[in-house]
Amino acid sequence: MSSSVDYDALEATTSIEDITEDELNRDTLRSLRDDDGDTSRLRLCSEEYADEPGEYHPGHPGGSEELGWLGHYAKKSTHLEEFEIGPGDGIFRNCSEQSVVRFFQDIGRNDRIQSLIFTCTELFGVIYKLIPAMNENNITRFYLDSCYLGVSETKLLFNAFRGMKSLEELGISDQQDSDYDLDDDAMAECIPSLAACTCMQKLILRDLNICTNSCAAMSEICPRMAALLDLDLSGNSINDDCVQVLVRGLAECNQLLQLRLVSNIVTDNGLDLLIERLPASVRYLSVANNQITLARQLPLLRFHELDLSGNQLSLHGPRVIAASLANPECHLVTFWLHQTGIGDEGAAILAESLRSNRKLTYMLLSTIITSSRINETGWNAFSSILCDTTSINATYNSNHTLEELGTNSAMPQDVITMLKFNFGKDKSLVAANKILQAHRHLDMKPLFGMKLDLLPNVVAWIERFAESRLDLKLSSFYQFVRAMPMNVVDGLLGTKKGKKRRRDNA
């Protein structure tokens, strides 16, 4: 019925209260009608998920008429940028097929809408109505997550991507209904359609049973995506052979910054291929929850962020990691090692490798596996690395970079304290704070080589870093003067004997 309604003619005589009784729906309609700028995102969902303006649930009786008015106002909005369906099933249950078709046509006529998002909803019948109405030239973001979509619908959808020349972000993940699971062959047919998306910056294809054939197709199209920055192929069936095929294409993606292969079947051999053949631009690699053991030496130097969480490392694993962390050429800033089986012995090995490391800021070692968890003994190994108290110089040369080791009830308080000290951006100040914490009475004797020339520096240092420790100031000055009285005398008398120094009458 709504397909023949002239909403422009009726708008002057129809109030929002006449269209719907639901207050949230009224707020959304009113905002779109007034084009007040408060609604840049319109989401259709089931009633139980609707709780804020910009959301609408047309699933009750009278849904066709409401949907007609919603499309009418959405079409004319100059602020609407994002359209979303879901979560919830039966969203269009009480809407006629004609009203749904017209609604999507209205959405497609708004050339300001750039993002389409579908979450946790059934799209079997909807997708055939949506795709013909999409304004392909304007869509820059398309996300489909945890939706029910069959093989034929997926192929139809991917075919539509051929026309989306402006698409910058695409995310398809988690096909939930096992009766409609996609396989490697089906995805290998779909993926070539993405070659037309030359503006693609972020591509997510999760939980789609991608394997050898799909990786071959991906390897072919990736070099055409010159702008690709972020690739996520997590939750698939990618093994070492797939990696070998995939990296052929990825090697030419010279802008690629991030690669995620979480929850696949990659082993040490696959990791070695990634290390060797990924373009130098890749700063972040996640191979969490794979089959990596680090049973042999592998250089983990090149990445700035590396996630190995959920891999059961071999007994040799911590030494492989330590060799990279101790290397002056190591670029690692963040290293995830959750649930990797590293215990006390492994923690001690890792701690020692950080003695001269000045780049690693986060190394997350949290674990819930009792048999391999790090206890107080393992955490204590980090204590002397973060603050070596054997001398002032040793404290000064301690690790002032590491800020996070994860959370664990067995971590000693002194380790927690030193990690917090390391939050400071001024590492000279961090070092000074640790010195003040660890050395209550400073030994000034090692500093006397400069004689009186050193005195202004001593005063400035103590004034800057010991404002809250008067006892430290007095003790330090006392030690300084007591230990070098003759230096003071010689400095005052000069080299000529017998000549009196005139007193300053000031």
Foldseek 3Di string as FASTA:
>chain_A
DLLPDDCVVCVVPDQLVNQDVDPLLSQQLVCLQVLVLPAQEAEQEDPVPDDHHNYDQLQDASSLSSLSSNLVSLLPRPRHAEYEYDDDESSCVNHDPSSLLVSLLSNQNNLNHAEYEYENYECAPPLVSNLVNHVQARHAYYEYEQYADALVSLQVVLLSLLSNQNHAEYAYEDNDDPVRAAAQVSLLNRLLSCLSNLNYAEYHDAQRQHEQSNLLSQLVRLLSNQNHAYYEYEHYAYELNSLVNNLNSQLNNQNYAEYEHEQYAYEPNSVLCCVPRHHLNHQYYEHAQYAYAPPDAHAQARHQEYEHANHAHDPCNLVNVLVNLLDPRRNHAEYEHEHHLAELVSLLSNLVSNLQRARHAYYEYDYDPVVRYYALNSLVSNLCQLAPLPALVSRLSHHLRHQYHHDDPRHDPSSNVSSPLSVDPPSNLSSLQSSVVRPVAHQCVVVCPVQPVCVVVVVVSCVVRVVVPVVNVVRHVVNVCVVPVVSVVCVVVDDDPPDDDDDDPD
